[in-house]
C-alpha atoms as a PDB file:
ATOM      1  CA  MET A   1     -34.154  53.143 -87.595  1.00  0.00           C
ATOM      2  CA  LEU A   2     -30.990  54.717 -86.212  1.00  0.00           C
ATOM      3  CA  ALA A   3     -31.016  57.354 -88.960  1.00  0.00           C
ATOM      4  CA  ARG A   4     -34.652  58.160 -88.178  1.00  0.00           C
ATOM      5  CA  ARG A   5     -33.891  58.532 -84.460  1.00  0.00           C
ATOM      6  CA  THR A   6     -30.965  60.807 -85.291  1.00  0.00           C
ATOM      7  CA  LEU A   7     -33.177  62.903 -87.562  1.00  0.00           C
ATOM      8  CA  LEU A   8     -35.901  63.289 -84.952  1.00  0.00           C
ATOM      9  CA  ALA A   9     -33.371  64.181 -82.278  1.00  0.00           C
ATOM     10  CA  ALA A  10     -31.986  66.923 -84.501  1.00  0.00           C
ATOM     11  CA  LEU A  11     -35.462  68.252 -85.230  1.00  0.00           C
ATOM     12  CA  ALA A  12     -36.285  68.317 -81.530  1.00  0.00           C
ATOM     13  CA  LEU A  13     -33.262  70.577 -80.980  1.00  0.00           C
ATOM     14  CA  ALA A  14     -34.359  73.048 -83.660  1.00  0.00           C
ATOM     15  CA  PRO A  15     -34.006  76.742 -82.754  1.00  0.00           C
ATOM     16  CA  LEU A  16     -36.932  78.671 -81.306  1.00  0.00           C
ATOM     17  CA  ALA A  17     -36.373  82.014 -82.970  1.00  0.00           C
ATOM     18  CA  ALA A  18     -35.788  84.005 -86.167  1.00  0.00           C
ATOM     19  CA  CYS A  19     -37.512  82.814 -89.354  1.00  0.00           C
ATOM     20  CA  GLN A  20     -38.575  79.755 -87.357  1.00  0.00           C
ATOM     21  CA  SER A  21     -40.302  81.401 -84.406  1.00  0.00           C
ATOM     22  CA  ARG A  22     -42.430  78.798 -82.674  1.00  0.00           C
ATOM     23  CA  GLY A  23     -45.982  79.193 -81.509  1.00  0.00           C
ATOM     24  CA  PRO A  24     -46.996  76.875 -78.676  1.00  0.00           C
ATOM     25  CA  VAL A  25     -44.045  74.818 -77.470  1.00  0.00           C
ATOM     26  CA  ALA A  26     -44.072  71.288 -78.885  1.00  0.00           C
ATOM     27  CA  THR A  27     -42.420  68.258 -77.314  1.00  0.00           C
ATOM     28  CA  ALA A  28     -40.053  65.900 -79.128  1.00  0.00           C
ATOM     29  CA  ASP A  29     -42.875  63.356 -79.368  1.00  0.00           C
ATOM     30  CA  ASP A  30     -45.128  66.000 -80.945  1.00  0.00           C
ATOM     31  CA  ASP A  31     -42.388  66.764 -83.475  1.00  0.00           C
ATOM     32  CA  ALA A  32     -41.860  63.109 -84.329  1.00  0.00           C
ATOM     33  CA  ALA A  33     -45.561  62.573 -85.031  1.00  0.00           C
ATOM     34  CA  TRP A  34     -45.341  64.923 -88.014  1.00  0.00           C
ATOM     35  CA  TYR A  35     -42.765  62.865 -89.919  1.00  0.00           C
ATOM     36  CA  ILE A  36     -43.222  59.695 -91.935  1.00  0.00           C
ATOM     37  CA  GLY A  37     -39.789  59.192 -93.472  1.00  0.00           C
ATOM     38  CA  THR A  38     -37.186  60.928 -95.602  1.00  0.00           C
ATOM     39  CA  MET A  39     -36.460  61.793 -99.224  1.00  0.00           C
ATOM     40  CA  PRO A  40     -32.881  61.296-100.470  1.00  0.00           C
ATOM     41  CA  ASP A  41     -30.939  64.526-100.826  1.00  0.00           C
ATOM     42  CA  LYS A  42     -27.383  65.768-100.330  1.00  0.00           C
ATOM     43  CA  PRO A  43     -25.769  66.351 -97.916  1.00  0.00           C
ATOM     44  CA  TYR A  44     -28.843  65.533 -95.766  1.00  0.00           C
ATOM     45  CA  ASP A  45     -32.024  63.590 -96.431  1.00  0.00           C
ATOM     46  CA  VAL A  46     -35.188  65.714 -96.517  1.00  0.00           C
ATOM     47  CA  PRO A  47     -37.714  64.911 -93.736  1.00  0.00           C
ATOM     48  CA  LEU A  48     -41.119  64.020 -95.201  1.00  0.00           C
ATOM     49  CA  VAL A  49     -44.257  65.268 -93.475  1.00  0.00           C
ATOM     50  CA  ASP A  50     -47.487  63.351 -92.912  1.00  0.00           C
ATOM     51  CA  LYS A  51     -49.677  65.597 -95.048  1.00  0.00           C
ATOM     52  CA  SER A  52     -52.857  64.168 -93.533  1.00  0.00           C
ATOM     53  CA  ARG A  53     -52.049  66.473 -90.617  1.00  0.00           C
ATOM     54  CA  LEU A  54     -52.306  69.531 -92.894  1.00  0.00           C
ATOM     55  CA  ASP A  55     -55.489  71.296 -93.904  1.00  0.00           C
ATOM     56  CA  PRO A  56     -56.067  70.133 -97.531  1.00  0.00           C
ATOM     57  CA  LYS A  57     -55.803  73.712 -98.814  1.00  0.00           C
ATOM     58  CA  TYR A  58     -52.169  73.800 -97.676  1.00  0.00           C
ATOM     59  CA  ARG A  59     -51.136  70.641 -99.515  1.00  0.00           C
ATOM     60  CA  ARG A  60     -49.204  70.968-102.772  1.00  0.00           C
ATOM     61  CA  GLN A  61     -51.602  70.807-105.716  1.00  0.00           C
ATOM     62  CA  VAL A  62     -52.229  72.084-109.239  1.00  0.00           C
ATOM     63  CA  VAL A  63     -55.118  74.575-109.401  1.00  0.00           C
ATOM     64  CA  GLN A  64     -56.771  76.727-112.027  1.00  0.00           C
ATOM     65  CA  TYR A  65     -55.275  80.213-112.067  1.00  0.00           C
ATOM     66  CA  GLY A  66     -57.056  83.262-113.440  1.00  0.00           C
ATOM     67  CA  GLY A  67     -54.720  86.022-112.317  1.00  0.00           C
ATOM     68  CA  PRO A  68     -52.946  88.469-114.648  1.00  0.00           C
ATOM     69  CA  GLU A  69     -49.420  87.400-113.687  1.00  0.00           C
ATOM     70  CA  LYS A  70     -47.268  85.906-116.416  1.00  0.00           C
ATOM     71  CA  PRO A  71     -46.175  82.245-116.357  1.00  0.00           C
ATOM     72  CA  GLY A  72     -43.142  81.632-114.190  1.00  0.00           C
ATOM     73  CA  THR A  73     -44.136  84.233-111.600  1.00  0.00           C
ATOM     74  CA  ILE A  74     -44.237  83.346-107.895  1.00  0.00           C
ATOM     75  CA  VAL A  75     -47.282  84.871-106.207  1.00  0.00           C
ATOM     76  CA  VAL A  76     -47.488  84.769-102.403  1.00  0.00           C
ATOM     77  CA  ASP A  77     -50.875  85.527-100.830  1.00  0.00           C
ATOM     78  CA  ILE A  78     -50.188  86.468 -97.206  1.00  0.00           C
ATOM     79  CA  ASP A  79     -53.866  86.391 -96.211  1.00  0.00           C
ATOM     80  CA  ARG A  80     -54.572  82.964 -97.705  1.00  0.00           C
ATOM     81  CA  ARG A  81     -51.181  81.533 -96.604  1.00  0.00           C
ATOM     82  CA  GLN A  82     -50.605  80.176-100.098  1.00  0.00           C
ATOM     83  CA  LEU A  83     -47.871  80.472-102.714  1.00  0.00           C
ATOM     84  CA  ALA A  84     -48.628  79.939-106.400  1.00  0.00           C
ATOM     85  CA  LEU A  85     -46.178  79.340-109.230  1.00  0.00           C
ATOM     86  CA  VAL A  86     -48.004  80.416-112.390  1.00  0.00           C
ATOM     87  CA  GLN A  87     -47.898  77.914-115.281  1.00  0.00           C
ATOM     88  CA  GLU A  88     -48.267  78.296-119.054  1.00  0.00           C
ATOM     89  CA  ASP A  89     -51.614  76.491-119.298  1.00  0.00           C
ATOM     90  CA  GLY A  90     -53.804  78.638-117.038  1.00  0.00           C
ATOM     91  CA  THR A  91     -52.940  76.656-113.927  1.00  0.00           C
ATOM     92  CA  ALA A  92     -50.607  77.184-110.982  1.00  0.00           C
ATOM     93  CA  VAL A  93     -48.700  74.892-108.676  1.00  0.00           C
ATOM     94  CA  GLN A  94     -50.021  75.914-105.261  1.00  0.00           C
ATOM     95  CA  TYR A  95     -48.291  75.360-101.921  1.00  0.00           C
ATOM     96  CA  GLY A  96     -49.259  76.124 -98.340  1.00  0.00           C
ATOM     97  CA  VAL A  97     -46.944  78.530 -96.523  1.00  0.00           C
ATOM     98  CA  GLY A  98     -46.366  80.075 -93.140  1.00  0.00           C
ATOM     99  CA  VAL A  99     -45.966  83.865 -93.012  1.00  0.00           C
ATOM    100  CA  GLY A 100     -44.772  86.662 -90.766  1.00  0.00           C
ATOM    101  CA  LYS A 101     -46.318  87.609 -87.483  1.00  0.00           C
ATOM    102  CA  LEU A 102     -48.540  90.692 -87.422  1.00  0.00           C
ATOM    103  CA  GLY A 103     -46.270  93.668 -87.972  1.00  0.00           C
ATOM    104  CA  PHE A 104     -43.515  91.557 -89.532  1.00  0.00           C
ATOM    105  CA  SER A 105     -45.142  90.679 -92.864  1.00  0.00           C
ATOM    106  CA  TRP A 106     -43.881  92.300 -96.046  1.00  0.00           C
ATOM    107  CA  LYS A 107     -45.611  92.889 -99.352  1.00  0.00           C
ATOM    108  CA  GLY A 108     -44.299  94.072-102.673  1.00  0.00           C
ATOM    109  CA  GLU A 109     -42.311  93.068-105.742  1.00  0.00           C
ATOM    110  CA  ALA A 110     -38.956  91.324-105.719  1.00  0.00           C
ATOM    111  CA  ARG A 111     -36.975  88.733-107.613  1.00  0.00           C
ATOM    112  CA  VAL A 112     -35.074  85.612-106.713  1.00  0.00           C
ATOM    113  CA  GLY A 113     -31.557  87.032-106.440  1.00  0.00           C
ATOM    114  CA  ARG A 114     -29.880  83.782-105.471  1.00  0.00           C
ATOM    115  CA  LYS A 115     -30.693  80.253-104.328  1.00  0.00           C
ATOM    116  CA  GLY A 116     -29.245  78.116-101.557  1.00  0.00           C
ATOM    117  CA  VAL A 117     -29.101  74.363-100.845  1.00  0.00           C
ATOM    118  CA  TRP A 118     -29.191  73.494 -97.116  1.00  0.00           C
ATOM    119  CA  PRO A 119     -28.164  77.115 -96.485  1.00  0.00           C
ATOM    120  CA  ASP A 120     -26.483  78.528 -93.415  1.00  0.00           C
ATOM    121  CA  TRP A 121     -28.590  80.920 -91.340  1.00  0.00           C
ATOM    122  CA  SER A 122     -27.679  84.214 -89.693  1.00  0.00           C
ATOM    123  CA  PRO A 123     -30.091  86.482 -87.799  1.00  0.00           C
ATOM    124  CA  THR A 124     -30.753  90.008 -88.995  1.00  0.00           C
ATOM    125  CA  THR A 125     -29.729  93.012 -86.917  1.00  0.00           C
ATOM    126  CA  THR A 126     -33.359  93.458 -85.879  1.00  0.00           C
ATOM    127  CA  MET A 127     -33.618  89.836 -84.717  1.00  0.00           C
ATOM    128  CA  VAL A 128     -30.467  90.235 -82.617  1.00  0.00           C
ATOM    129  CA  SER A 129     -31.750  93.468 -81.070  1.00  0.00           C
ATOM    130  CA  LEU A 130     -34.950  91.690 -80.043  1.00  0.00           C
ATOM    131  CA  ASN A 131     -33.138  88.581 -78.822  1.00  0.00           C
ATOM    132  CA  PRO A 132     -29.424  89.159 -78.110  1.00  0.00           C
ATOM    133  CA  SER A 133     -28.953  85.495 -77.133  1.00  0.00           C
ATOM    134  CA  LEU A 134     -29.454  84.313 -80.728  1.00  0.00           C
ATOM    135  CA  PRO A 135     -26.446  82.548 -82.271  1.00  0.00           C
ATOM    136  CA  ARG A 136     -24.785  84.697 -84.928  1.00  0.00           C
ATOM    137  CA  THR A 137     -24.760  81.845 -87.421  1.00  0.00           C
ATOM    138  CA  ARG A 138     -25.941  78.265 -87.760  1.00  0.00           C
ATOM    139  CA  LYS A 139     -24.668  75.809 -90.332  1.00  0.00           C
ATOM    140  CA  GLY A 140     -27.119  74.238 -92.755  1.00  0.00           C
ATOM    141  CA  GLY A 141     -28.847  71.046 -91.665  1.00  0.00           C
ATOM    142  CA  VAL A 142     -32.146  69.534 -90.544  1.00  0.00           C
ATOM    143  CA  ASP A 143     -32.107  71.712 -87.406  1.00  0.00           C
ATOM    144  CA  ASN A 144     -31.487  74.927 -89.357  1.00  0.00           C
ATOM    145  CA  PRO A 145     -34.270  77.574 -89.540  1.00  0.00           C
ATOM    146  CA  LEU A 146     -33.958  77.841 -93.341  1.00  0.00           C
ATOM    147  CA  GLY A 147     -34.499  74.152 -93.963  1.00  0.00           C
ATOM    148  CA  ALA A 148     -33.470  72.332 -97.132  1.00  0.00           C
ATOM    149  CA  ARG A 149     -33.544  75.244 -99.582  1.00  0.00           C
ATOM    150  CA  ALA A 150     -33.846  79.024 -99.638  1.00  0.00           C
ATOM    151  CA  LEU A 151     -34.767  81.567-102.290  1.00  0.00           C
ATOM    152  CA  TYR A 152     -33.233  84.946-101.408  1.00  0.00           C
ATOM    153  CA  LEU A 153     -35.352  87.935-102.415  1.00  0.00           C
ATOM    154  CA  TYR A 154     -33.722  90.965-103.991  1.00  0.00           C
ATOM    155  CA  GLN A 155     -34.858  94.355-105.260  1.00  0.00           C
ATOM    156  CA  GLY A 156     -32.381  95.503-107.866  1.00  0.00           C
ATOM    157  CA  ASN A 157     -28.999  94.355-106.545  1.00  0.00           C
ATOM    158  CA  ARG A 158     -30.035  94.645-102.895  1.00  0.00           C
ATOM    159  CA  ASP A 159     -30.816  91.645-100.711  1.00  0.00           C
ATOM    160  CA  ILE A 160     -33.961  92.716 -98.836  1.00  0.00           C
ATOM    161  CA  LEU A 161     -33.423  90.022 -96.157  1.00  0.00           C
ATOM    162  CA  PHE A 162     -36.679  88.207 -96.857  1.00  0.00           C
ATOM    163  CA  ARG A 163     -36.551  84.583 -97.927  1.00  0.00           C
ATOM    164  CA  ILE A 164     -38.789  81.820 -99.172  1.00  0.00           C
ATOM    165  CA  HIS A 165     -37.380  78.784 -97.406  1.00  0.00           C
ATOM    166  CA  GLY A 166     -37.982  75.410 -95.823  1.00  0.00           C
ATOM    167  CA  THR A 167     -38.991  74.825 -92.231  1.00  0.00           C
ATOM    168  CA  ASN A 168     -38.445  72.289 -89.482  1.00  0.00           C
ATOM    169  CA  GLU A 169     -41.772  73.352 -87.943  1.00  0.00           C
ATOM    170  CA  PRO A 170     -44.387  71.869 -90.306  1.00  0.00           C
ATOM    171  CA  TRP A 171     -47.211  72.698 -87.881  1.00  0.00           C
ATOM    172  CA  SER A 172     -46.549  76.389 -88.666  1.00  0.00           C
ATOM    173  CA  ILE A 173     -47.751  76.083 -92.284  1.00  0.00           C
ATOM    174  CA  GLY A 174     -50.905  78.162 -92.539  1.00  0.00           C
ATOM    175  CA  GLU A 175     -49.919  80.275 -89.523  1.00  0.00           C
ATOM    176  CA  GLN A 176     -48.462  83.732 -88.852  1.00  0.00           C
ATOM    177  CA  LEU A 177     -45.422  82.924 -86.724  1.00  0.00           C
ATOM    178  CA  SER A 178     -42.244  83.937 -88.545  1.00  0.00           C
ATOM    179  CA  SER A 179     -40.208  87.133 -88.438  1.00  0.00           C
ATOM    180  CA  GLY A 180     -41.351  87.941 -91.967  1.00  0.00           C
ATOM    181  CA  CYS A 181     -39.995  85.162 -94.178  1.00  0.00           C
ATOM    182  CA  VAL A 182     -42.254  82.835 -96.150  1.00  0.00           C
ATOM    183  CA  ARG A 183     -41.751  79.218 -95.040  1.00  0.00           C
ATOM    184  CA  MET A 184     -42.706  76.001 -96.796  1.00  0.00           C
ATOM    185  CA  LEU A 185     -42.490  72.309 -96.076  1.00  0.00           C
ATOM    186  CA  ASN A 186     -38.959  71.163 -96.879  1.00  0.00           C
ATOM    187  CA  GLU A 187     -40.206  68.825 -99.599  1.00  0.00           C
ATOM    188  CA  ASP A 188     -42.213  71.705-101.115  1.00  0.00           C
ATOM    189  CA  ILE A 189     -39.341  74.193-101.163  1.00  0.00           C
ATOM    190  CA  VAL A 190     -37.187  71.521-102.841  1.00  0.00           C
ATOM    191  CA  ASP A 191     -39.901  71.165-105.503  1.00  0.00           C
ATOM    192  CA  LEU A 192     -40.190  74.939-105.996  1.00  0.00           C
ATOM    193  CA  TYR A 193     -36.406  75.376-106.031  1.00  0.00           C
ATOM    194  CA  GLU A 194     -36.128  72.973-108.963  1.00  0.00           C
ATOM    195  CA  ARG A 195     -38.837  74.799-110.905  1.00  0.00           C
ATOM    196  CA  VAL A 196     -37.602  78.416-110.698  1.00  0.00           C
ATOM    197  CA  PRO A 197     -34.370  80.044-111.877  1.00  0.00           C
ATOM    198  CA  VAL A 198     -32.530  83.005-110.404  1.00  0.00           C
ATOM    199  CA  GLY A 199     -34.299  86.119-111.672  1.00  0.00           C
ATOM    200  CA  THR A 200     -37.829  84.782-111.140  1.00  0.00           C
ATOM    201  CA  GLN A 201     -40.316  87.539-110.308  1.00  0.00           C
ATOM    202  CA  VAL A 202     -41.895  87.307-106.849  1.00  0.00           C
ATOM    203  CA  LEU A 203     -45.078  89.174-105.921  1.00  0.00           C
ATOM    204  CA  VAL A 204     -46.116  89.185-102.263  1.00  0.00           C
ATOM    205  CA  LYS A 205     -49.727  90.275-101.798  1.00  0.00           C
ATOM    206  CA  ARG A 206     -51.682  91.347 -98.764  1.00  0.00           C
ATOM    207  CA  ASN A 207     -55.340  92.388 -98.959  1.00  0.00           C
ATOM    208  CA  GLY A 208     -55.173  91.320-102.598  1.00  0.00           C
ATOM    209  CA  LYS A 209     -52.473  93.866-103.504  1.00  0.00           C
ATOM    210  CA  TYR A 210     -48.713  93.900-103.769  1.00  0.00           C
ATOM    211  CA  ARG A 211     -48.543  97.632-104.434  1.00  0.00           C
ATOM    212  CA  VAL A 212     -49.614 100.446-102.119  1.00  0.00           C
END
């Protein structure tokens, strides 16, 4: 019980900006209502979300997949707020995601350039210019905007500063609230992280296209 209270207290203190920009302000009690326990992980346990609070289309599931992308590809559909990991057998593992606010979304081709476990977070130059009060770094943990895992997107050898990462704001799945990153439930990003290696192709589509 003490560990759960500590977890919920940390979540209630989660930052209000950057990849984790909030919509309507939630109270600590509102936050607590989303969580039903934890999943063992190191160095922190992963908070587990009550998925009955999610629209069924945003719950992790295996679906039929008829797209042209090769197995192993991550396909993010900004409009549908869904991420699909294409499988060998004509299916995909599908996850609900939160995406960037209008004007902050990105589309295109990238690859997973590196992966992080309970990663530290630092705001981009643009984030700091919009909100100079942002901390310049935050250590990894349950109150960190990047959550339990992060996949860092690269084009060539260049980090393009977009991530697929966990979130401590589960109510934002299915919404457009971030500063451009693609966010997932912490338990979902842990699942995806284990399935994909560095080098995985990532296609981010809007209006059905990832190319202009």
